């Protein structure tokens, strides 16, 4: 009994040491200027901590194109205990990833009884360089948190399969809901549980589907509520994307299938050769060439056919391969679900089953030719050392925005507008405004309509006191992205500094009506108050012969001061000219 206890504790201890050796460095990292602001340090929902009002908003509103209240609660808890300390948010991510690695170990240890195969499967999953994006990016808390509940649900399913206790079914249902409220990729969980039933649980008898229809009926019925949860959350996610201006569903049909086929093989390539990994920017959206897509689709079929054909002789291969195909489906690019159709983070849970299949298949193959397992263990140790050595610098890239996108800029040969823009943003916040101006200019040279590049270039040149150019750049940004509050707000102030009082008044009044309580009151106050601001805006529009719009501002001025003779005369004048 004692020996068994220590045989389980030792692999778990080794896993912990390996994962912490790679990922604990993140506790000294800062935030990066890509989504971390919107998700954490500039998000009032999070910075307010675990307040009751914030909890209600987390559950009642869509945020960042998703309904993920459990993820928001985890951020809010960090903010309550640790304030705005980036290292604390990173530490939570690292701990969640460590727990997930241990859960992978315990999942396969419970299902198969093999300590060391389970250890290597968990280690390959946890130390692979493709994990860096999910763990070292604070924004991707939803990845590691959803993975945590996903794996707990799988472990609960294994316990139910072994004991038959319905309490475990209830636990799996609760964990599934928590996972779905962390990130909607958990919609694939019921399919993953069926794969676990196939292997390693062996709940599906050999033979044809029709022969085992009662068994299939039982297995499907015990997961019917989980499939229902998945359907509901799929609809909720589509609704959230539509309301929040997302891009879900923009790729469908054959083009989506071909795109997914290319991505599946690209992820496989990066699994076995994880070199040159970097954070893809907004411009990295694969649209598969038809010929390449068909070739990749044929390759997937060539792998799938023997995996299915020999599923009874080598079930671990079928398990690993079909887990990879099914669990990766939401992030495969078959349907566009956001800015990127291809990203390292999408492999987080799909790698769990794939790594297990690889380990058990490798052990089966080796044992056909040799009995001494020591060479295999040595090979495994060397492989894990190489992965850790490759992952450590990959994680280090996330210490700040300049390091992260300096890597992207280098890998892409200076051809990534996203890298140029984010280097510009990092320079702006480092108060190197000339570098920010230049970087954003390089981004615009690569893509003249690249989101927020004109805006940040405008902010940078405003700090260099060229207000006329700053105003032109901010107007250009708002012609592309008219609903960005920050740039609308900044434009009012820049127009005032540029000497365009009518333009500043008009913009400040527009902003104040769209976003009450914003910073535009500062500009309105500088113009002499709301009455004078309306008069200035109306006069400027009248001079441009935009009489109908000018009348709107003169009427507003009269509403504020009904007896003002200048306002009455101005309104009468523009009405006469309309």
Protein backbone atom coordinates (compact mmCIF):
# COMPACT_ATOMS: atom_id res chain seq x y z
CA UNK A 1 0.00 0.00 0.00
CA UNK A 2 2.81 2.41 0.93
CA UNK A 3 4.69 1.54 -2.26
CA UNK A 4 1.63 2.31 -4.37
CA UNK A 5 1.20 5.64 -2.58
CA UNK A 6 4.76 6.69 -3.32
CA UNK A 7 4.62 5.39 -6.89
CA UNK A 8 1.81 7.89 -7.50
CA UNK A 9 3.35 10.73 -5.50
CA UNK A 10 6.71 10.61 -7.28
CA UNK A 11 5.39 11.23 -10.81
CA UNK A 12 3.12 13.98 -9.47
CA UNK A 13 6.09 15.63 -7.74
CA UNK A 14 8.22 15.43 -10.89
CA UNK A 15 5.42 16.92 -12.96
CA UNK A 16 5.04 19.78 -10.51
CA UNK A 17 8.75 20.56 -10.55
CA UNK A 18 8.95 20.46 -14.33
CA UNK A 19 5.92 22.68 -14.89
CA UNK A 20 6.96 25.22 -12.27
CA UNK A 21 10.50 25.32 -13.65
CA UNK A 22 9.09 26.50 -16.97
CA UNK A 23 6.12 28.62 -15.93
CA UNK A 24 6.89 30.17 -12.55
CA UNK A 25 8.93 32.83 -14.36
CA UNK A 26 5.61 34.38 -15.47
CA UNK A 27 4.97 35.63 -11.92
CA UNK A 28 7.49 38.38 -12.68
CA UNK A 29 5.88 39.38 -15.99
CA UNK A 30 3.68 42.38 -16.70
CA UNK A 31 0.55 42.68 -18.77
CA UNK A 32 0.79 42.88 -22.55
CA UNK A 33 -1.02 45.50 -24.62
CA UNK A 34 -3.11 43.00 -26.53
CA UNK A 35 -6.46 42.32 -24.84
CA UNK A 36 -5.04 42.33 -21.29
CA UNK A 37 -6.33 45.86 -20.85
CA UNK A 38 -9.82 45.03 -22.10
CA UNK A 39 -9.93 41.84 -20.05
CA UNK A 40 -8.21 42.95 -16.86
CA UNK A 41 -6.37 46.13 -15.96
CA UNK A 42 -8.63 48.60 -17.83
CA UNK A 43 -11.86 46.68 -17.25
CA UNK A 44 -13.97 48.20 -14.42
CA UNK A 45 -15.76 44.88 -13.99
CA UNK A 46 -12.45 43.28 -12.95
CA UNK A 47 -10.69 46.16 -11.21
CA UNK A 48 -13.72 46.58 -8.94
CA UNK A 49 -13.03 43.14 -7.46
CA UNK A 50 -15.62 40.69 -6.17
CA UNK A 51 -18.36 43.24 -5.57
CA UNK A 52 -21.99 42.11 -5.77
CA UNK A 53 -22.73 44.57 -8.57
CA UNK A 54 -19.85 43.19 -10.61
CA UNK A 55 -20.95 39.61 -10.02
CA UNK A 56 -24.42 40.47 -11.34
CA UNK A 57 -22.93 42.09 -14.44
CA UNK A 58 -20.70 39.06 -15.04
CA UNK A 59 -23.73 36.79 -15.14
CA UNK A 60 -26.17 39.13 -16.87
CA UNK A 61 -24.08 40.71 -19.64
CA UNK A 62 -21.93 39.58 -22.53
CA UNK A 63 -18.32 40.72 -22.29
CA UNK A 64 -15.64 40.58 -24.99
CA UNK A 65 -17.98 38.66 -27.33
CA UNK A 66 -18.56 35.82 -24.85
CA UNK A 67 -20.69 34.86 -21.90
CA UNK A 68 -17.99 33.56 -19.56
CA UNK A 69 -18.99 34.61 -16.02
CA UNK A 70 -16.77 32.06 -14.25
CA UNK A 71 -13.70 33.46 -15.99
CA UNK A 72 -14.69 36.98 -14.96
CA UNK A 73 -15.19 35.85 -11.37
CA UNK A 74 -11.67 34.38 -11.34
CA UNK A 75 -10.21 37.70 -12.55
CA UNK A 76 -12.30 39.61 -10.03
CA UNK A 77 -11.06 37.36 -7.22
CA UNK A 78 -7.44 38.07 -8.20
CA UNK A 79 -8.19 41.81 -8.23
CA UNK A 80 -9.84 41.62 -4.79
CA UNK A 81 -6.88 39.88 -3.18
CA UNK A 82 -3.94 41.30 -5.15
CA UNK A 83 -5.12 44.51 -6.77
CA UNK A 84 -3.73 45.29 -10.22
CA UNK A 85 -0.55 43.22 -9.75
CA UNK A 86 0.12 41.53 -13.10
CA UNK A 87 2.30 38.90 -11.43
CA UNK A 88 -0.65 37.71 -9.35
CA UNK A 89 -2.80 37.16 -12.44
CA UNK A 90 0.08 35.27 -14.06
CA UNK A 91 0.53 33.19 -10.92
CA UNK A 92 -3.10 32.07 -11.03
CA UNK A 93 -2.69 31.02 -14.67
CA UNK A 94 0.45 29.05 -13.84
CA UNK A 95 -1.18 27.30 -10.89
CA UNK A 96 -4.24 26.38 -12.96
CA UNK A 97 -1.98 24.92 -15.64
CA UNK A 98 -0.08 22.92 -13.03
CA UNK A 99 -3.37 21.56 -11.68
CA UNK A 100 -4.42 20.65 -15.22
CA UNK A 101 -1.19 18.73 -15.81
CA UNK A 102 -1.75 16.81 -12.56
CA UNK A 103 -5.36 16.16 -13.60
CA UNK A 104 -4.21 14.72 -16.93
CA UNK A 105 -1.89 12.42 -15.00
CA UNK A 106 -4.60 11.35 -12.58
CA UNK A 107 -7.19 10.95 -15.35
CA UNK A 108 -5.17 8.39 -17.27
CA UNK A 109 -3.73 6.87 -14.09
CA UNK A 110 -7.29 6.23 -12.85
CA UNK A 111 -8.50 4.93 -16.21
CA UNK A 112 -5.53 2.70 -17.09
CA UNK A 113 -3.64 1.99 -13.86
CA UNK A 114 -0.35 2.98 -15.53
CA UNK A 115 1.71 5.48 -13.56
CA UNK A 116 4.55 6.19 -15.94
CA UNK A 117 2.62 6.24 -19.19
CA UNK A 118 0.23 8.66 -17.52
CA UNK A 119 3.21 10.68 -16.33
CA UNK A 120 4.67 11.00 -19.82
CA UNK A 121 1.29 11.87 -21.36
CA UNK A 122 0.78 14.61 -18.77
CA UNK A 123 4.36 15.87 -19.14
CA UNK A 124 4.15 16.03 -22.95
CA UNK A 125 0.91 17.98 -22.62
CA UNK A 126 2.18 20.32 -19.91
CA UNK A 127 5.64 21.08 -21.25
CA UNK A 128 4.90 21.43 -24.95
CA UNK A 129 5.79 24.93 -26.26
CA UNK A 130 2.29 25.30 -27.71
CA UNK A 131 1.08 25.73 -24.11
CA UNK A 132 2.91 29.05 -23.68
CA UNK A 133 0.20 31.18 -25.28
CA UNK A 134 -2.57 29.72 -23.12
CA UNK A 135 -0.66 29.98 -19.84
CA UNK A 136 1.60 33.03 -20.14
CA UNK A 137 -1.07 35.33 -21.58
CA UNK A 138 -3.33 36.64 -18.81
CA UNK A 139 -6.17 37.11 -21.30
CA UNK A 140 -6.20 33.36 -21.92
CA UNK A 141 -7.22 32.57 -18.35
CA UNK A 142 -10.34 31.18 -20.01
CA UNK A 143 -8.21 28.43 -21.64
CA UNK A 144 -6.66 27.08 -18.47
CA UNK A 145 -9.84 27.56 -16.44
CA UNK A 146 -12.05 25.80 -18.98
CA UNK A 147 -9.40 23.07 -19.22
CA UNK A 148 -9.53 22.65 -15.44
CA UNK A 149 -13.28 21.98 -15.38
CA UNK A 150 -13.08 19.92 -18.58
CA UNK A 151 -10.52 17.57 -17.03
CA UNK A 152 -12.37 17.39 -13.71
CA UNK A 153 -15.51 16.40 -15.64
CA UNK A 154 -13.55 13.69 -17.46
CA UNK A 155 -12.21 12.41 -14.15
CA UNK A 156 -15.73 12.42 -12.72
CA UNK A 157 -16.90 10.41 -15.72
CA UNK A 158 -14.18 7.83 -15.11
CA UNK A 159 -15.33 7.57 -11.49
CA UNK A 160 -18.92 7.10 -12.61
CA UNK A 161 -17.91 4.41 -15.10
CA UNK A 162 -16.07 2.53 -12.36
CA UNK A 163 -18.59 2.89 -9.54
CA UNK A 164 -21.93 3.45 -11.25
CA UNK A 165 -22.82 6.04 -8.58
CA UNK A 166 -25.18 8.64 -9.98
CA UNK A 167 -23.66 11.29 -7.73
CA UNK A 168 -20.78 11.34 -10.19
CA UNK A 169 -23.21 12.08 -13.05
CA UNK A 170 -24.44 15.12 -11.11
CA UNK A 171 -20.85 16.20 -10.47
CA UNK A 172 -20.02 15.90 -14.19
CA UNK A 173 -23.06 18.02 -15.06
CA UNK A 174 -22.04 20.79 -12.64
CA UNK A 175 -18.42 20.73 -13.82
CA UNK A 176 -19.56 20.87 -17.44
CA UNK A 177 -21.63 23.98 -16.75
CA UNK A 178 -18.70 25.62 -14.95
CA UNK A 179 -16.46 24.79 -17.89
CA UNK A 180 -18.93 26.19 -20.42
CA UNK A 181 -19.15 29.38 -18.35
CA UNK A 182 -15.35 29.62 -18.53
CA UNK A 183 -15.02 29.19 -22.30
CA UNK A 184 -17.54 27.74 -24.77
CA UNK A 185 -15.03 25.31 -26.32
CA UNK A 186 -16.23 22.90 -23.62
CA UNK A 187 -19.19 22.18 -25.94
CA UNK A 188 -17.13 19.22 -27.24
CA UNK A 189 -16.97 17.57 -23.80
CA UNK A 190 -19.77 15.01 -24.42
CA UNK A 191 -17.93 13.73 -27.50
CA UNK A 192 -14.71 13.49 -25.47
CA UNK A 193 -16.51 11.42 -22.82
CA UNK A 194 -17.71 9.01 -25.49
CA UNK A 195 -14.11 8.62 -26.63
CA UNK A 196 -13.09 7.85 -23.06
CA UNK A 197 -15.83 5.21 -23.02
CA UNK A 198 -14.18 3.66 -26.07
CA UNK A 199 -10.66 3.83 -24.63
CA UNK A 200 -9.36 3.43 -22.02
CA UNK A 201 -12.62 2.62 -20.20
CA UNK A 202 -13.65 -0.07 -22.70
CA UNK A 203 -17.36 0.51 -22.18
CA UNK A 204 -18.11 0.04 -25.88
CA UNK A 205 -18.13 -3.67 -26.83
CA UNK A 206 -16.41 -4.85 -29.97
CA UNK A 207 -18.58 -5.40 -32.99
CA UNK A 208 -20.84 -3.42 -35.26
CA UNK A 209 -22.91 -0.45 -34.12
CA UNK A 210 -26.23 -2.22 -34.71
CA UNK A 211 -25.15 -5.18 -32.60
CA UNK A 212 -24.36 -2.89 -29.67
CA UNK A 213 -27.34 -0.57 -30.03
CA UNK A 214 -28.53 -0.98 -26.40
CA UNK A 215 -25.07 -0.08 -25.12
CA UNK A 216 -24.88 2.95 -27.38
CA UNK A 217 -28.35 4.01 -26.25
CA UNK A 218 -27.26 3.85 -22.61
CA UNK A 219 -24.04 5.77 -23.24
CA UNK A 220 -25.82 8.49 -25.19
CA UNK A 221 -28.69 8.83 -22.73
CA UNK A 222 -26.36 9.33 -19.77
CA UNK A 223 -24.83 12.26 -21.69
CA UNK A 224 -28.05 13.64 -23.19
CA UNK A 225 -28.18 16.56 -20.75
CA UNK A 226 -24.55 17.40 -21.56
CA UNK A 227 -25.33 17.53 -25.28
CA UNK A 228 -28.26 19.79 -24.41
CA UNK A 229 -25.96 22.10 -22.43
CA UNK A 230 -23.61 22.22 -25.42
CA UNK A 231 -26.44 23.13 -27.80
CA UNK A 232 -27.64 25.93 -25.53
CA UNK A 233 -24.17 27.38 -25.06
CA UNK A 234 -23.48 27.21 -28.80
CA UNK A 235 -26.57 29.38 -29.36
CA UNK A 236 -25.54 31.74 -26.54
CA UNK A 237 -22.07 32.11 -28.03
CA UNK A 238 -23.46 32.93 -31.47
CA UNK A 239 -25.75 35.51 -29.87
CA UNK A 240 -22.88 37.04 -27.90
CA UNK A 241 -20.75 37.31 -31.03
CA UNK A 242 -23.57 39.00 -32.94
CA UNK A 243 -24.38 41.49 -30.17
CA UNK A 244 -20.74 42.30 -29.44
CA UNK A 245 -19.79 42.66 -33.10
CA UNK A 246 -17.90 39.38 -33.41
CA UNK A 247 -17.28 37.39 -36.56
CA UNK A 248 -18.71 34.01 -35.67
CA UNK A 249 -20.02 32.07 -38.63
CA UNK A 250 -18.36 34.12 -41.37
CA UNK A 251 -16.71 31.01 -42.79
CA UNK A 252 -18.97 28.12 -43.68
CA UNK A 253 -19.37 25.35 -46.22
CA UNK A 254 -16.54 23.94 -48.29
CA UNK A 255 -14.17 26.85 -47.65
CA UNK A 256 -14.48 26.28 -43.90
CA UNK A 257 -13.83 22.54 -44.26
CA UNK A 258 -10.75 23.11 -46.43
CA UNK A 259 -9.47 25.78 -44.06
CA UNK A 260 -9.91 23.42 -41.09
CA UNK A 261 -8.07 20.63 -42.94
CA UNK A 262 -5.06 22.89 -43.47
CA UNK A 263 -5.12 23.99 -39.84
CA UNK A 264 -5.35 20.43 -38.51
CA UNK A 265 -2.17 19.46 -40.32
CA UNK A 266 -0.45 22.73 -39.43
CA UNK A 267 -1.10 22.07 -35.74
CA UNK A 268 0.23 18.53 -36.17
CA UNK A 269 3.39 19.92 -37.75
CA UNK A 270 3.86 22.31 -34.82
CA UNK A 271 3.18 19.46 -32.40
CA UNK A 272 6.12 17.46 -33.73
CA UNK A 273 8.32 20.43 -34.71
CA UNK A 274 7.54 23.35 -32.36
CA UNK A 275 10.03 25.82 -33.83
CA UNK A 276 9.30 29.38 -34.89
CA UNK A 277 6.17 29.77 -32.76
CA UNK A 278 4.85 33.29 -32.34
CA UNK A 279 1.64 35.15 -31.54
CA UNK A 280 -0.26 35.59 -34.78
CA UNK A 281 -1.79 39.00 -35.30
CA UNK A 282 -5.11 40.10 -36.73
CA UNK A 283 -3.74 39.70 -40.24
CA UNK A 284 -3.06 35.97 -39.80
CA UNK A 285 -6.27 34.43 -41.04
CA UNK A 286 -5.77 31.42 -43.23
CA UNK A 287 -8.00 31.15 -46.27
CA UNK A 288 -7.03 27.79 -47.67
CA UNK A 289 -6.06 27.43 -51.28
CA UNK A 290 -8.48 24.87 -52.74
CA UNK A 291 -5.74 22.53 -53.93
CA UNK A 292 -3.84 22.68 -50.63
CA UNK A 293 -7.07 22.23 -48.72
CA UNK A 294 -8.02 19.14 -50.73
CA UNK A 295 -4.55 17.65 -50.24
CA UNK A 296 -4.79 18.20 -46.47
CA UNK A 297 -8.30 16.78 -46.40
CA UNK A 298 -7.06 13.68 -48.21
CA UNK A 299 -4.17 13.37 -45.72
CA UNK A 300 -6.62 13.50 -42.80
CA UNK A 301 -8.70 10.79 -44.45
CA UNK A 302 -5.56 8.66 -44.97
CA UNK A 303 -4.78 8.90 -41.25
CA UNK A 304 -8.39 8.45 -40.13
CA UNK A 305 -9.11 5.33 -42.16
CA UNK A 306 -6.44 3.04 -40.62
CA UNK A 307 -7.05 4.60 -37.18
CA UNK A 308 -10.68 3.54 -37.48
CA UNK A 309 -9.95 0.28 -39.29
CA UNK A 310 -7.58 -0.96 -36.57
CA UNK A 311 -9.41 0.61 -33.61
CA UNK A 312 -9.82 -2.74 -31.89
CA UNK A 313 -6.17 -3.78 -32.25
CA UNK A 314 -4.74 -0.35 -31.39
CA UNK A 315 -7.53 1.56 -29.61
CA UNK A 316 -5.16 4.18 -28.18
CA UNK A 317 -4.31 5.38 -31.69
CA UNK A 318 -7.96 5.77 -32.63
CA UNK A 319 -8.62 7.49 -29.30
CA UNK A 320 -5.78 10.00 -29.64
CA UNK A 321 -6.47 10.82 -33.28
CA UNK A 322 -10.23 11.23 -33.03
CA UNK A 323 -9.92 13.15 -29.75
CA UNK A 324 -7.65 15.54 -31.62
CA UNK A 325 -10.10 15.90 -34.53
CA UNK A 326 -13.23 16.30 -32.40
CA UNK A 327 -11.94 18.41 -29.52
CA UNK A 328 -10.08 20.81 -31.83
CA UNK A 329 -13.16 21.30 -34.01
CA UNK A 330 -14.33 24.61 -32.41
CA UNK A 331 -10.85 26.11 -32.95
CA UNK A 332 -10.08 24.42 -36.25
CA UNK A 333 -11.13 27.38 -38.38
CA UNK A 334 -14.12 25.59 -39.88
CA UNK A 335 -16.20 28.47 -38.48
CA UNK A 336 -14.59 31.81 -37.72
CA UNK A 337 -14.98 32.65 -34.02
CA UNK A 338 -12.97 35.83 -33.63
CA UNK A 339 -9.91 37.61 -34.92
CA UNK A 340 -7.78 34.50 -35.47
CA UNK A 341 -8.58 31.27 -37.25
CA UNK A 342 -5.23 29.75 -36.22
CA UNK A 343 -3.54 30.16 -32.83
CA UNK A 344 -1.34 28.06 -30.56
CA UNK A 345 -3.84 28.38 -27.70
CA UNK A 346 -6.48 26.40 -29.62
CA UNK A 347 -4.49 23.19 -29.03
CA UNK A 348 -4.75 23.30 -25.22
CA UNK A 349 -7.36 20.58 -24.57
CA UNK A 350 -7.00 18.80 -27.96
CA UNK A 351 -3.42 17.92 -27.01
CA UNK A 352 -4.57 16.01 -23.93
CA UNK A 353 -5.93 13.01 -25.81
CA UNK A 354 -3.41 13.28 -28.62
CA UNK A 355 -0.48 13.03 -26.20
CA UNK A 356 -2.03 10.06 -24.43
CA UNK A 357 -2.53 8.28 -27.73
CA UNK A 358 1.08 8.95 -28.74
CA UNK A 359 2.49 7.66 -25.45
CA UNK A 360 0.47 4.45 -25.34
CA UNK A 361 1.03 3.79 -29.06
CA UNK A 362 4.79 4.31 -28.67
CA UNK A 363 4.89 1.95 -25.68
CA UNK A 364 2.91 -0.69 -27.58
CA UNK A 365 5.24 -0.47 -30.58
CA UNK A 366 8.39 -0.56 -28.44
CA UNK A 367 7.22 -3.54 -26.43
CA UNK A 368 6.77 -5.54 -29.64
CA UNK A 369 10.53 -5.46 -30.17
CA UNK A 370 12.10 -5.13 -26.72
CA UNK A 371 11.39 -6.00 -23.10
CA UNK A 372 13.86 -3.69 -21.37
CA UNK A 373 12.03 -0.42 -20.87
CA UNK A 374 15.03 1.56 -19.69
CA UNK A 375 16.02 2.83 -23.18
CA UNK A 376 12.45 4.00 -23.70
CA UNK A 377 12.49 5.79 -20.34
CA UNK A 378 15.80 7.47 -21.23
CA UNK A 379 14.39 8.58 -24.57
CA UNK A 380 11.33 9.98 -22.79
CA UNK A 381 13.49 11.87 -20.29
CA UNK A 382 15.58 13.39 -23.09
CA UNK A 383 12.44 14.38 -24.99
CA UNK A 384 10.94 16.08 -21.94
CA UNK A 385 14.22 17.91 -21.32
CA UNK A 386 14.20 19.19 -24.90
CA UNK A 387 10.59 20.30 -24.62
CA UNK A 388 11.26 22.13 -21.36
CA UNK A 389 14.33 23.77 -22.85
CA UNK A 390 12.26 24.90 -25.83
CA UNK A 391 9.28 26.02 -23.76
CA UNK A 392 11.21 28.18 -21.29
CA UNK A 393 12.28 30.82 -23.85
CA UNK A 394 8.89 30.59 -25.55
CA UNK A 395 7.26 31.52 -22.25
CA UNK A 396 9.86 34.26 -21.70
CA UNK A 397 8.57 36.09 -24.79
CA UNK A 398 5.48 37.07 -22.80
CA UNK A 399 7.30 39.20 -20.23
CA UNK A 400 6.25 42.41 -22.03
CA UNK A 401 4.72 43.68 -25.27
CA UNK A 402 8.00 44.73 -26.87
CA UNK A 403 9.60 41.32 -26.38
CA UNK A 404 6.49 39.47 -27.58
CA UNK A 405 5.99 41.44 -30.77
CA UNK A 406 9.69 41.93 -31.39
CA UNK A 407 9.70 38.16 -31.86
CA UNK A 408 6.69 38.31 -34.20
CA UNK A 409 8.34 41.10 -36.17
CA UNK A 410 11.52 39.05 -36.54
CA UNK A 411 9.78 35.79 -37.46
CA UNK A 412 7.62 37.50 -40.11
CA UNK A 413 10.52 39.46 -41.58
CA UNK A 414 8.90 42.77 -40.65
CA UNK A 415 5.75 41.91 -42.62
CA UNK A 416 3.28 41.76 -39.72
CA UNK A 417 1.25 44.96 -39.31
CA UNK A 418 0.07 43.63 -35.94
CA UNK A 419 3.67 43.39 -34.70
CA UNK A 420 4.41 46.92 -35.89
CA UNK A 421 1.26 48.30 -34.29
CA UNK A 422 1.84 46.65 -30.92
CA UNK A 423 5.47 47.71 -30.90
CA UNK A 424 4.13 51.19 -31.51
CA UNK A 425 1.67 50.88 -28.63
CA UNK A 426 4.44 49.63 -26.32
CA UNK A 427 6.61 52.59 -27.36
CA UNK A 428 3.72 54.98 -26.77
CA UNK A 429 3.21 53.80 -23.19
CA UNK A 430 6.98 53.92 -22.68
CA UNK A 431 6.72 57.62 -23.72
CA UNK A 432 8.90 57.09 -26.79
CA UNK A 433 6.46 58.91 -29.03
CA UNK A 434 8.71 59.19 -32.08
CA UNK A 435 9.21 55.40 -32.13
CA UNK A 436 5.47 54.90 -31.63
CA UNK A 437 4.73 57.20 -34.57
CA UNK A 438 7.22 55.37 -36.78
CA UNK A 439 6.07 51.85 -35.85
CA UNK A 440 2.42 52.67 -36.46
CA UNK A 441 3.39 54.25 -39.77
CA UNK A 442 5.10 50.99 -40.75
CA UNK A 443 1.93 49.09 -39.82
CA UNK A 444 -0.12 51.39 -42.04
CA UNK A 445 2.36 50.97 -44.90
CA UNK A 446 1.70 47.20 -44.69
CA UNK A 447 -2.07 47.62 -44.29
CA UNK A 448 -3.55 51.13 -44.64
CA UNK A 449 -6.74 50.13 -42.81
CA UNK A 450 -5.14 48.15 -40.01
CA UNK A 451 -7.27 48.57 -36.84
CA UNK A 452 -6.06 51.20 -34.33
CA UNK A 453 -2.77 51.89 -36.13
CA UNK A 454 -3.92 55.32 -37.36
CA UNK A 455 -5.35 56.05 -33.92
CA UNK A 456 -2.18 55.35 -31.99
CA UNK A 457 -0.09 57.14 -34.61
CA UNK A 458 -2.36 60.12 -34.05
CA UNK A 459 -1.93 59.95 -30.28
CA UNK A 460 1.84 59.72 -30.69
CA UNK A 461 2.09 62.74 -33.00
CA UNK A 462 -0.22 64.67 -30.68
CA UNK A 463 2.33 64.14 -27.91
CA UNK A 464 4.89 65.53 -30.35
CA UNK A 465 2.60 68.61 -30.57
CA UNK A 466 1.61 68.24 -34.22
CA UNK A 467 -2.09 68.55 -33.52
CA UNK A 468 -3.30 69.05 -37.08
CA UNK A 469 -1.78 65.73 -38.23
CA UNK A 470 -2.98 64.06 -35.04
CA UNK A 471 -6.56 65.18 -35.73
CA UNK A 472 -6.38 63.90 -39.32
CA UNK A 473 -5.08 60.51 -38.16
CA UNK A 474 -7.72 60.17 -35.44
CA UNK A 475 -10.46 61.05 -37.92
CA UNK A 476 -9.10 58.40 -40.28
CA UNK A 477 -9.17 55.82 -37.47
CA UNK A 478 -12.75 56.71 -36.60
CA UNK A 479 -13.79 56.36 -40.24
CA UNK A 480 -12.70 52.70 -39.91
CA UNK A 481 -13.73 52.11 -36.30
CA UNK A 482 -16.36 54.75 -35.41
CA UNK A 483 -17.39 53.25 -32.06
CA UNK A 484 -14.01 53.39 -30.32
CA UNK A 485 -14.59 55.57 -27.27
CA UNK A 486 -10.92 56.27 -26.53
CA UNK A 487 -10.17 57.71 -29.95
CA UNK A 488 -13.44 59.67 -30.07
CA UNK A 489 -12.60 61.12 -26.69
CA UNK A 490 -9.02 61.99 -27.64
CA UNK A 491 -10.12 63.60 -30.91
CA UNK A 492 -12.17 66.25 -29.11
CA UNK A 493 -9.15 67.35 -27.09
CA UNK A 494 -6.78 67.23 -30.07
CA UNK A 495 -9.15 69.40 -32.16
CA UNK A 496 -9.20 71.96 -29.36
CA UNK A 497 -5.40 71.99 -29.19
CA UNK A 498 -5.27 72.31 -32.99
CA UNK A 499 -7.37 75.50 -32.73
CA UNK A 500 -10.47 73.99 -34.29
CA UNK A 501 -12.95 75.11 -31.63
CA UNK A 502 -16.09 74.34 -33.67
CA UNK A 503 -14.83 70.82 -34.43
CA UNK A 504 -13.82 70.26 -30.82
CA UNK A 505 -17.20 71.47 -29.56
CA UNK A 506 -19.12 69.29 -32.00
CA UNK A 507 -17.09 66.17 -31.17
CA UNK A 508 -17.20 66.76 -27.41
CA UNK A 509 -20.97 67.25 -27.43
CA UNK A 510 -21.47 64.15 -29.58
CA UNK A 511 -19.31 62.10 -27.23
CA UNK A 512 -21.11 63.43 -24.15
CA UNK A 513 -24.47 62.35 -25.58
CA UNK A 514 -23.16 58.87 -26.52
CA UNK A 515 -21.11 58.24 -23.38
CA UNK A 516 -22.49 60.27 -20.45
CA UNK A 517 -20.01 60.77 -17.67
CA UNK A 518 -16.95 60.58 -19.93
CA UNK A 519 -13.93 62.87 -20.14
CA UNK A 520 -15.48 65.11 -22.80
CA UNK A 521 -16.78 67.45 -20.10
CA UNK A 522 -13.21 68.76 -19.77
CA UNK A 523 -13.29 70.00 -23.38
CA UNK A 524 -16.81 71.40 -22.97
CA UNK A 525 -15.72 73.26 -19.84
CA UNK A 526 -12.66 74.65 -21.66
CA UNK A 527 -15.00 75.99 -24.35
CA UNK A 528 -17.02 77.89 -21.76
CA UNK A 529 -19.68 75.38 -20.85
CA UNK A 530 -22.40 73.46 -22.62
CA UNK A 531 -24.28 76.52 -23.91
CA UNK A 532 -21.21 78.10 -25.48
CA UNK A 533 -20.05 74.74 -26.84
CA UNK A 534 -23.35 74.34 -28.69
CA UNK A 535 -23.14 77.88 -30.04
CA UNK A 536 -19.55 77.34 -31.23
CA UNK A 537 -20.45 74.02 -32.88
CA UNK A 538 -23.53 75.55 -34.57
CA UNK A 539 -21.60 78.55 -35.83
CA UNK A 540 -18.87 76.36 -37.28
CA UNK A 541 -21.40 74.18 -39.10
CA UNK A 542 -23.25 77.23 -40.40
CA UNK A 543 -20.00 78.56 -41.85
CA UNK A 544 -19.65 75.25 -43.70
CA UNK A 545 -23.23 75.73 -44.96
CA UNK A 546 -24.40 72.65 -43.05
CA UNK A 547 -27.50 74.53 -41.92
CA UNK A 548 -29.69 71.61 -40.84
CA UNK A 549 -27.04 70.26 -38.51
CA UNK A 550 -26.20 73.75 -37.26
CA UNK A 551 -29.84 74.26 -36.36
CA UNK A 552 -29.68 71.19 -34.11
CA UNK A 553 -26.93 72.76 -32.00
CA UNK A 554 -28.61 76.18 -31.84
CA UNK A 555 -31.82 74.52 -30.64
CA UNK A 556 -29.85 72.72 -27.94
CA UNK A 557 -28.30 76.05 -26.92
CA UNK A 558 -31.80 77.54 -26.66
CA UNK A 559 -32.96 74.61 -24.58
CA UNK A 560 -30.18 75.43 -22.11
CA UNK A 561 -30.77 79.22 -22.24
CA UNK A 562 -34.24 79.87 -23.71
CA UNK A 563 -34.02 83.68 -23.67
CA UNK A 564 -30.59 84.15 -25.21
CA UNK A 565 -30.97 86.57 -28.16
CA UNK A 566 -27.85 85.38 -30.01
CA UNK A 567 -29.06 81.80 -29.99
CA UNK A 568 -32.50 82.88 -31.26
CA UNK A 569 -31.00 84.99 -34.02
CA UNK A 570 -28.57 82.26 -35.07
CA UNK A 571 -31.32 79.65 -35.22
CA UNK A 572 -33.58 81.93 -37.23
CA UNK A 573 -30.74 82.67 -39.65
CA UNK A 574 -29.90 79.04 -40.41
CA UNK A 575 -33.58 78.08 -40.70
CA UNK A 576 -34.02 80.81 -43.30
CA UNK A 577 -31.08 79.40 -45.29
CA UNK A 578 -32.17 75.75 -45.09
